Structures are given as C-alpha cells and as structure tokens.
C-alpha atoms as a PDB file:
ATOM      1  CA  MET A   1    -102.191  48.041 -20.939  1.00  0.00           C
ATOM      2  CA  THR A   2    -106.375  47.974 -22.241  1.00  0.00           C
ATOM      3  CA  GLY A   3    -106.652  46.079 -19.056  1.00  0.00           C
ATOM      4  CA  LEU A   4    -105.785  49.301 -17.177  1.00  0.00           C
ATOM      5  CA  VAL A   5    -107.976  51.318 -19.469  1.00  0.00           C
ATOM      6  CA  ASP A   6    -110.572  48.961 -18.188  1.00  0.00           C
ATOM      7  CA  GLU A   7    -110.310  49.698 -14.809  1.00  0.00           C
ATOM      8  CA  GLY A   8    -110.181  52.922 -14.833  1.00  0.00           C
ATOM      9  CA  ARG A   9    -106.332  53.464 -13.755  1.00  0.00           C
ATOM     10  CA  ALA A  10    -104.312  56.415 -15.308  1.00  0.00           C
ATOM     11  CA  VAL A  11    -101.891  54.904 -18.105  1.00  0.00           C
ATOM     12  CA  ASP A  12     -99.921  57.434 -20.113  1.00  0.00           C
ATOM     13  CA  ILE A  13     -99.702  57.031 -23.790  1.00  0.00           C
ATOM     14  CA  ALA A  14     -97.186  58.224 -26.077  1.00  0.00           C
ATOM     15  CA  CYS A  15     -98.566  59.121 -29.971  1.00  0.00           C
ATOM     16  CA  LEU A  16     -96.420  59.163 -32.615  1.00  0.00           C
ATOM     17  CA  ASP A  17     -97.265  60.842 -36.601  1.00  0.00           C
ATOM     18  CA  PHE A  18     -96.651  57.547 -37.927  1.00  0.00           C
ATOM     19  CA  ARG A  19     -96.296  59.207 -41.387  1.00  0.00           C
ATOM     20  CA  LYS A  20     -93.311  60.815 -40.109  1.00  0.00           C
ATOM     21  CA  ALA A  21     -91.830  58.572 -37.809  1.00  0.00           C
ATOM     22  CA  LEU A  22     -91.846  54.985 -39.182  1.00  0.00           C
ATOM     23  CA  ASP A  23     -90.655  55.518 -42.450  1.00  0.00           C
ATOM     24  CA  THR A  24     -87.817  57.373 -41.357  1.00  0.00           C
ATOM     25  CA  VAL A  25     -86.487  55.925 -37.960  1.00  0.00           C
ATOM     26  CA  SER A  26     -85.030  52.895 -37.494  1.00  0.00           C
ATOM     27  CA  HIS A  27     -87.012  50.521 -36.272  1.00  0.00           C
ATOM     28  CA  SER A  28     -84.672  48.481 -34.318  1.00  0.00           C
ATOM     29  CA  ILE A  29     -83.656  51.310 -32.269  1.00  0.00           C
ATOM     30  CA  LEU A  30     -87.294  52.167 -31.400  1.00  0.00           C
ATOM     31  CA  ILE A  31     -87.590  48.729 -29.621  1.00  0.00           C
ATOM     32  CA  GLU A  32     -84.491  49.354 -27.960  1.00  0.00           C
ATOM     33  CA  GLN A  33     -85.279  52.355 -26.462  1.00  0.00           C
ATOM     34  CA  LEU A  34     -88.976  50.976 -25.547  1.00  0.00           C
ATOM     35  CA  VAL A  35     -86.926  48.040 -23.579  1.00  0.00           C
ATOM     36  CA  LYS A  36     -85.118  50.652 -21.862  1.00  0.00           C
ATOM     37  CA  TYR A  37     -88.037  51.765 -20.577  1.00  0.00           C
ATOM     38  CA  ARG A  38     -89.111  48.167 -19.058  1.00  0.00           C
ATOM     39  CA  LEU A  39     -92.467  48.446 -21.007  1.00  0.00           C
ATOM     40  CA  GLU A  40     -94.585  45.614 -20.282  1.00  0.00           C
ATOM     41  CA  GLU A  41     -93.499  42.265 -22.596  1.00  0.00           C
ATOM     42  CA  HIS A  42     -97.021  41.983 -24.329  1.00  0.00           C
ATOM     43  CA  THR A  43     -96.958  45.683 -24.729  1.00  0.00           C
ATOM     44  CA  LEU A  44     -93.868  45.407 -25.676  1.00  0.00           C
ATOM     45  CA  MET A  45     -94.459  42.626 -28.448  1.00  0.00           C
ATOM     46  CA  TRP A  46     -97.631  44.435 -30.032  1.00  0.00           C
ATOM     47  CA  SER A  47     -95.524  47.531 -30.474  1.00  0.00           C
ATOM     48  CA  GLU A  48     -92.673  45.325 -31.773  1.00  0.00           C
ATOM     49  CA  ASN A  49     -94.889  43.539 -34.090  1.00  0.00           C
ATOM     50  CA  TRP A  50     -96.258  46.787 -35.885  1.00  0.00           C
ATOM     51  CA  LEU A  51     -93.247  48.604 -35.703  1.00  0.00           C
ATOM     52  CA  ASN A  52     -92.029  46.262 -37.862  1.00  0.00           C
ATOM     53  CA  SER A  53     -95.084  45.239 -40.263  1.00  0.00           C
ATOM     54  CA  GLN A  54     -97.800  48.078 -39.411  1.00  0.00           C
ATOM     55  CA  ALA A  55    -100.284  44.908 -38.733  1.00  0.00           C
ATOM     56  CA  GLN A  56    -101.768  43.011 -36.351  1.00  0.00           C
ATOM     57  CA  ARG A  57    -102.433  39.416 -36.710  1.00  0.00           C
ATOM     58  CA  MET A  58    -105.348  37.425 -34.859  1.00  0.00           C
ATOM     59  CA  MET A  59    -105.397  33.385 -35.200  1.00  0.00           C
ATOM     60  CA  VAL A  60    -108.864  33.072 -35.198  1.00  0.00           C
ATOM     61  CA  SER A  61    -109.738  29.263 -33.619  1.00  0.00           C
ATOM     62  CA  SER A  62    -111.605  26.648 -35.717  1.00  0.00           C
ATOM     63  CA  ASN A  63    -115.245  25.841 -34.908  1.00  0.00           C
ATOM     64  CA  GLY A  64    -115.483  22.859 -37.532  1.00  0.00           C
ATOM     65  CA  ILE A  65    -116.426  23.195 -40.738  1.00  0.00           C
ATOM     66  CA  GLN A  66    -118.985  26.130 -39.970  1.00  0.00           C
ATOM     67  CA  SER A  67    -115.805  28.562 -39.270  1.00  0.00           C
ATOM     68  CA  THR A  68    -114.154  27.623 -42.813  1.00  0.00           C
ATOM     69  CA  PRO A  69    -115.004  30.016 -45.928  1.00  0.00           C
ATOM     70  CA  LEU A  70    -114.537  27.404 -48.232  1.00  0.00           C
ATOM     71  CA  ASN A  71    -115.333  23.429 -47.675  1.00  0.00           C
ATOM     72  CA  LEU A  72    -113.225  20.902 -48.838  1.00  0.00           C
ATOM     73  CA  ALA A  73    -114.197  17.078 -49.229  1.00  0.00           C
ATOM     74  CA  THR A  74    -111.712  15.044 -51.031  1.00  0.00           C
ATOM     75  CA  TYR A  75    -112.133  10.915 -52.509  1.00  0.00           C
ATOM     76  CA  TRP A  76    -109.416   9.024 -53.617  1.00  0.00           C
ATOM     77  CA  LYS A  77    -109.172   5.824 -56.014  1.00  0.00           C
ATOM     78  CA  CYS A  78    -106.142   3.921 -55.588  1.00  0.00           C
ATOM     79  CA  ASN A  79    -105.264   1.031 -58.109  1.00  0.00           C
ATOM     80  CA  ALA A  80    -101.526  -0.352 -58.907  1.00  0.00           C
ATOM     81  CA  SER A  81    -101.958   1.447 -62.054  1.00  0.00           C
ATOM     82  CA  THR A  82    -104.106   4.668 -62.212  1.00  0.00           C
ATOM     83  CA  THR A  83    -105.228   6.877 -58.725  1.00  0.00           C
ATOM     84  CA  ASP A  84    -108.425   9.147 -59.301  1.00  0.00           C
ATOM     85  CA  VAL A  85    -109.215  12.359 -57.102  1.00  0.00           C
ATOM     86  CA  ARG A  86    -111.886  14.597 -56.856  1.00  0.00           C
ATOM     87  CA  VAL A  87    -111.656  17.718 -54.585  1.00  0.00           C
ATOM     88  CA  ASP A  88    -115.057  19.125 -54.037  1.00  0.00           C
ATOM     89  CA  TYR A  89    -115.473  22.326 -52.710  1.00  0.00           C
ATOM     90  CA  LYS A  90    -118.190  24.717 -51.429  1.00  0.00           C
ATOM     91  CA  TYR A  91    -118.062  28.604 -50.749  1.00  0.00           C
ATOM     92  CA  ASN A  92    -119.547  29.487 -47.314  1.00  0.00           C
ATOM     93  CA  PRO A  93    -120.503  32.676 -46.642  1.00  0.00           C
ATOM     94  CA  GLU A  94    -122.028  31.922 -43.443  1.00  0.00           C
ATOM     95  CA  SER A  95    -117.987  31.701 -41.758  1.00  0.00           C
ATOM     96  CA  MET A  96    -117.854  35.323 -42.628  1.00  0.00           C
ATOM     97  CA  ASN A  97    -119.248  38.679 -40.544  1.00  0.00           C
ATOM     98  CA  VAL A  98    -119.456  40.656 -44.209  1.00  0.00           C
ATOM     99  CA  PRO A  99    -119.686  37.355 -46.982  1.00  0.00           C
ATOM    100  CA  SER A 100    -116.787  38.409 -49.222  1.00  0.00           C
ATOM    101  CA  THR A 101    -114.838  37.386 -52.327  1.00  0.00           C
ATOM    102  CA  LEU A 102    -112.044  34.681 -52.311  1.00  0.00           C
ATOM    103  CA  SER A 103    -109.378  35.325 -54.603  1.00  0.00           C
ATOM    104  CA  ASN A 104    -106.654  33.665 -55.739  1.00  0.00           C
ATOM    105  CA  VAL A 105    -107.852  30.425 -55.016  1.00  0.00           C
ATOM    106  CA  GLN A 106    -105.109  27.772 -55.120  1.00  0.00           C
ATOM    107  CA  VAL A 107    -105.424  23.540 -54.437  1.00  0.00           C
ATOM    108  CA  VAL A 108    -102.651  21.995 -54.299  1.00  0.00           C
ATOM    109  CA  VAL A 109    -102.869  17.671 -54.062  1.00  0.00           C
ATOM    110  CA  PRO A 110     -99.558  15.447 -54.146  1.00  0.00           C
ATOM    111  CA  VAL A 111     -99.390  12.503 -55.684  1.00  0.00           C
ATOM    112  CA  ASP A 112     -96.961   9.364 -55.416  1.00  0.00           C
ATOM    113  CA  GLY A 113     -96.074   6.251 -56.548  1.00  0.00           C
ATOM    114  CA  GLY A 114     -94.434   7.497 -59.768  1.00  0.00           C
ATOM    115  CA  VAL A 115     -97.110   9.706 -61.903  1.00  0.00           C
ATOM    116  CA  THR A 116     -95.803   9.656 -65.539  1.00  0.00           C
ATOM    117  CA  ASN A 117     -99.344  10.948 -67.109  1.00  0.00           C
ATOM    118  CA  MET A 118    -101.998  13.416 -66.174  1.00  0.00           C
ATOM    119  CA  GLN A 119    -105.291  14.043 -66.926  1.00  0.00           C
ATOM    120  CA  SER A 120    -107.507  16.792 -65.315  1.00  0.00           C
ATOM    121  CA  LEU A 121    -110.949  19.039 -65.404  1.00  0.00           C
ATOM    122  CA  PRO A 122    -110.768  21.649 -65.261  1.00  0.00           C
ATOM    123  CA  PRO A 123    -107.152  21.694 -66.134  1.00  0.00           C
ATOM    124  CA  ALA A 124    -104.449  21.619 -63.405  1.00  0.00           C
ATOM    125  CA  LYS A 125    -100.271  22.069 -63.648  1.00  0.00           C
ATOM    126  CA  TRP A 126     -98.698  19.210 -62.653  1.00  0.00           C
ATOM    127  CA  ASN A 127     -94.816  19.665 -60.811  1.00  0.00           C
ATOM    128  CA  ALA A 128     -93.192  16.403 -61.397  1.00  0.00           C
ATOM    129  CA  ASP A 129     -90.062  17.622 -58.791  1.00  0.00           C
ATOM    130  CA  GLN A 130     -92.951  18.357 -56.069  1.00  0.00           C
ATOM    131  CA  MET A 131     -94.713  15.462 -56.917  1.00  0.00           C
ATOM    132  CA  LYS A 132     -97.952  18.045 -56.029  1.00  0.00           C
ATOM    133  CA  ALA A 133    -101.075  18.750 -59.308  1.00  0.00           C
ATOM    134  CA  TYR A 134    -101.931  22.585 -58.914  1.00  0.00           C
ATOM    135  CA  TRP A 135    -105.482  23.959 -59.466  1.00  0.00           C
ATOM    136  CA  LYS A 136    -105.558  27.928 -59.891  1.00  0.00           C
ATOM    137  CA  ILE A 137    -109.332  29.400 -59.691  1.00  0.00           C
ATOM    138  CA  SER A 138    -109.274  33.097 -59.917  1.00  0.00           C
ATOM    139  CA  SER A 139    -112.440  34.011 -57.566  1.00  0.00           C
ATOM    140  CA  ILE A 140    -114.850  31.844 -55.556  1.00  0.00           C
ATOM    141  CA  SER A 141    -118.085  33.550 -54.233  1.00  0.00           C
ATOM    142  CA  GLU A 142    -122.084  33.342 -54.456  1.00  0.00           C
ATOM    143  CA  LYS A 143    -122.140  35.031 -57.480  1.00  0.00           C
ATOM    144  CA  SER A 144    -119.737  32.166 -58.903  1.00  0.00           C
ATOM    145  CA  GLU A 145    -121.428  29.365 -60.857  1.00  0.00           C
ATOM    146  CA  ASN A 146    -123.165  26.918 -58.815  1.00  0.00           C
ATOM    147  CA  GLY A 147    -123.387  29.307 -55.454  1.00  0.00           C
ATOM    148  CA  GLY A 148    -119.620  28.817 -55.176  1.00  0.00           C
ATOM    149  CA  SER A 149    -119.476  24.924 -55.482  1.00  0.00           C
ATOM    150  CA  GLY A 150    -117.341  22.901 -57.467  1.00  0.00           C
ATOM    151  CA  SER A 151    -115.371  20.122 -58.284  1.00  0.00           C
ATOM    152  CA  LEU A 152    -111.460  19.278 -59.198  1.00  0.00           C
ATOM    153  CA  ARG A 153    -110.915  15.630 -61.167  1.00  0.00           C
ATOM    154  CA  ALA A 154    -108.189  14.663 -62.012  1.00  0.00           C
ATOM    155  CA  LYS A 155    -106.822  10.827 -63.474  1.00  0.00           C
ATOM    156  CA  PHE A 156    -103.122   9.975 -62.883  1.00  0.00           C
ATOM    157  CA  GLU A 157    -101.155   7.426 -64.866  1.00  0.00           C
ATOM    158  CA  LEU A 158     -98.452   5.417 -62.505  1.00  0.00           C
ATOM    159  CA  SER A 159     -95.119   3.589 -62.904  1.00  0.00           C
ATOM    160  CA  GLU A 160     -95.131   2.322 -59.234  1.00  0.00           C
ATOM    161  CA  GLY A 161     -98.545   2.490 -57.639  1.00  0.00           C
ATOM    162  CA  PRO A 162    -100.638   2.178 -56.115  1.00  0.00           C
ATOM    163  CA  SER A 163    -100.166   6.021 -54.752  1.00  0.00           C
ATOM    164  CA  LYS A 164    -101.280   6.365 -51.024  1.00  0.00           C
ATOM    165  CA  PRO A 165    -104.034   9.026 -50.061  1.00  0.00           C
ATOM    166  CA  ALA A 166    -102.318  12.618 -48.807  1.00  0.00           C
ATOM    167  CA  THR A 167    -103.361  15.912 -47.075  1.00  0.00           C
ATOM    168  CA  LEU A 168    -104.535  18.425 -49.479  1.00  0.00           C
ATOM    169  CA  ALA A 169    -103.474  22.313 -49.183  1.00  0.00           C
ATOM    170  CA  VAL A 170    -106.265  24.828 -50.406  1.00  0.00           C
ATOM    171  CA  GLN A 171    -104.721  28.705 -49.808  1.00  0.00           C
ATOM    172  CA  PHE A 172    -106.623  32.242 -51.176  1.00  0.00           C
ATOM    173  CA  ILE A 173    -107.031  35.754 -49.707  1.00  0.00           C
ATOM    174  CA  SER A 174    -110.261  37.643 -48.907  1.00  0.00           C
ATOM    175  CA  GLU A 175    -110.760  41.630 -48.655  1.00  0.00           C
ATOM    176  CA  GLY A 176    -113.169  43.788 -47.291  1.00  0.00           C
ATOM    177  CA  SER A 177    -113.857  41.348 -44.050  1.00  0.00           C
ATOM    178  CA  THR A 178    -112.681  39.315 -41.062  1.00  0.00           C
ATOM    179  CA  LEU A 179    -113.624  35.690 -39.765  1.00  0.00           C
ATOM    180  CA  SER A 180    -113.823  37.536 -36.451  1.00  0.00           C
ATOM    181  CA  GLY A 181    -116.296  40.223 -37.028  1.00  0.00           C
ATOM    182  CA  VAL A 182    -113.766  42.703 -35.178  1.00  0.00           C
ATOM    183  CA  ASP A 183    -113.710  46.251 -35.712  1.00  0.00           C
ATOM    184  CA  VAL A 184    -111.415  48.573 -33.667  1.00  0.00           C
ATOM    185  CA  GLU A 185    -111.340  52.099 -32.935  1.00  0.00           C
ATOM    186  CA  LEU A 186    -109.966  54.179 -30.361  1.00  0.00           C
ATOM    187  CA  VAL A 187    -110.826  57.927 -29.868  1.00  0.00           C
ATOM    188  CA  GLY A 188    -108.773  60.101 -26.921  1.00  0.00           C
ATOM    189  CA  THR A 189    -107.325  63.886 -27.037  1.00  0.00           C
ATOM    190  CA  GLY A 190    -105.214  64.605 -29.987  1.00  0.00           C
ATOM    191  CA  TYR A 191    -105.671  60.907 -31.862  1.00  0.00           C
ATOM    192  CA  ARG A 192    -107.879  58.234 -32.920  1.00  0.00           C
ATOM    193  CA  LEU A 193    -106.466  54.765 -34.092  1.00  0.00           C
ATOM    194  CA  SER A 194    -109.140  53.047 -36.379  1.00  0.00           C
ATOM    195  CA  LEU A 195    -109.608  49.333 -38.554  1.00  0.00           C
ATOM    196  CA  LEU A 196    -108.240  50.407 -41.820  1.00  0.00           C
ATOM    197  CA  LYS A 197    -108.295  47.608 -44.081  1.00  0.00           C
ATOM    198  CA  LYS A 198    -110.190  44.360 -43.080  1.00  0.00           C
ATOM    199  CA  ARG A 199    -108.051  40.744 -44.935  1.00  0.00           C
ATOM    200  CA  PHE A 200    -107.882  37.406 -44.142  1.00  0.00           C
ATOM    201  CA  ALA A 201    -105.953  34.564 -45.920  1.00  0.00           C
ATOM    202  CA  THR A 202    -104.678  31.329 -45.259  1.00  0.00           C
ATOM    203  CA  VAL A 203    -101.524  29.774 -44.684  1.00  0.00           C
ATOM    204  CA  SER A 204     -99.306  29.229 -47.466  1.00  0.00           C
ATOM    205  CA  PRO A 205     -99.944  25.377 -49.129  1.00  0.00           C
ATOM    206  CA  THR A 206     -96.261  24.519 -49.093  1.00  0.00           C
ATOM    207  CA  ASP A 207     -96.149  25.408 -45.063  1.00  0.00           C
ATOM    208  CA  LEU A 208     -99.375  23.519 -44.675  1.00  0.00           C
ATOM    209  CA  LEU A 209     -98.163  19.934 -46.451  1.00  0.00           C
ATOM    210  CA  SER A 210     -94.774  20.331 -44.984  1.00  0.00           C
ATOM    211  CA  LYS A 211     -96.000  20.938 -42.031  1.00  0.00           C
ATOM    212  CA  LYS A 212     -97.908  17.796 -42.161  1.00  0.00           C
ATOM    213  CA  ARG A 213    -101.318  20.127 -40.533  1.00  0.00           C
ATOM    214  CA  ILE A 214    -104.733  18.123 -41.298  1.00  0.00           C
ATOM    215  CA  GLU A 215    -106.779  21.250 -39.883  1.00  0.00           C
ATOM    216  CA  GLN A 216    -107.841  24.313 -42.158  1.00  0.00           C
ATOM    217  CA  ASN A 217    -105.846  27.163 -40.764  1.00  0.00           C
ATOM    218  CA  TYR A 218    -106.973  30.709 -41.801  1.00  0.00           C
ATOM    219  CA  ALA A 219    -105.381  33.629 -39.890  1.00  0.00           C
ATOM    220  CA  CYS A 220    -107.453  37.018 -40.255  1.00  0.00           C
ATOM    221  CA  THR A 221    -104.558  40.023 -40.222  1.00  0.00           C
ATOM    222  CA  GLU A 222    -106.069  43.395 -39.789  1.00  0.00           C
ATOM    223  CA  HIS A 223    -104.203  46.457 -40.753  1.00  0.00           C
ATOM    224  CA  PHE A 224    -104.197  49.629 -38.215  1.00  0.00           C
ATOM    225  CA  LYS A 225    -103.292  53.177 -38.942  1.00  0.00           C
ATOM    226  CA  SER A 226    -102.745  55.983 -36.487  1.00  0.00           C
ATOM    227  CA  VAL A 227    -104.499  59.285 -37.654  1.00  0.00           C
ATOM    228  CA  ASN A 228    -103.965  62.654 -35.461  1.00  0.00           C
END
C-alpha cells in the first residue's frame, strides 16, 4: 500500500474511529470481511496484527555489540566441587536514538552439576527446579553507579560437578525510545496516524534459554493511534 503511494498511484483508504469500532466489534469478523475483499496479503497481515494487539512490531537486526543497549561478558571457572561465575554488564547509550533507562532488568544463568549451595553478590535467587540463578536490577542508565556498569558474581557448591558453561539470558524493557529511531506520521484529509508511544524490550529469558539462542535479541514494539 505504501509502495503505491510512493509511486503516485491512486489508493483507497478506509478510515475507522478506533475508539468506537475496535473495542465493540469482533475483530475476527473484521478480518473475515477484509479477506472477502481480497486485501493484499501483507496489508491483511498488518491489519490483523493491529486489530489483535493495536501495536506494530519491528525486528531490529543486530550490528554486533554496538547495537545492544546492554553489553554482557561472562566468565566461568568450573571445578569438580565448585563453579564460579562472573557476569560483567555495561550500559550502551549509543545503541539508542535517544538514550533511555533500562528497567526491570533480569539476568538468568543456568548452572548444572547438582548445585547444593549458592553465594552471590549482589544477592541472587536460586531456582532448584529450573537449575538457574536469577538476578534482578530495578533500572540501569547513565545515571546509575559507574555509568551503568557493574558485575554479578556467584559461587556454586556442587555434588555432581563439574558444571558446563551455559548461555545466559537477559531481559529488560525501555520506554520512550526505540533502537531504530523511526518516527511515523501519516497525514491526510480527515485523519492523522502518528507514533504515540515508543518502547523496546528483549525476548523473555525463558524463550532465549529454551531455544538455545546465543545472539542477543531485541524487539522494538511501537504503538500507533489513529486520531480523527
């Protein structure tokens, strides 16, 4: 649809008052009607995603360590009876169009080898069923101690060591900025579509660890609102 506009070709646009329509009409019925009108596949997918969640998501490709808001380095020392783990982290404001605070930060480290005891700094929680250590940090930004840099350390006592170094996962959200720096505003007669809220977040630690993803994944979710 946007390609046709760029080419200067005629395009029919259906404008809806989302405040009156979206919350009162079955979204499945709306999708069925769009299918009947043989809407172009990608436009149909875009519409369905909007109707179901009232949000659009963009996957931002990684450009190495420079594109990640939180850089991590992990160090393992595995012996038969103990395992030492250190996770260094560093806030990277240059990865964002407008630097913003990372909140609800959670770092998850799986440790096998029959952990019987854990000593950690700062304090972490050990989940024996999942065999994972959890650190929670309320927020990280340039205003944090040491400019948003720090270390997480833990010593694990084992009954069936040694442990094997594993892939850790990190989760956080950030409001008010995007990694892409994209701003959207479409203006026409009788309507305006503009970027209302900016937010990006990581994939959940559970998804990362279960899928054995080693690369860092960041999903940029941008919310749009139609204003008549």
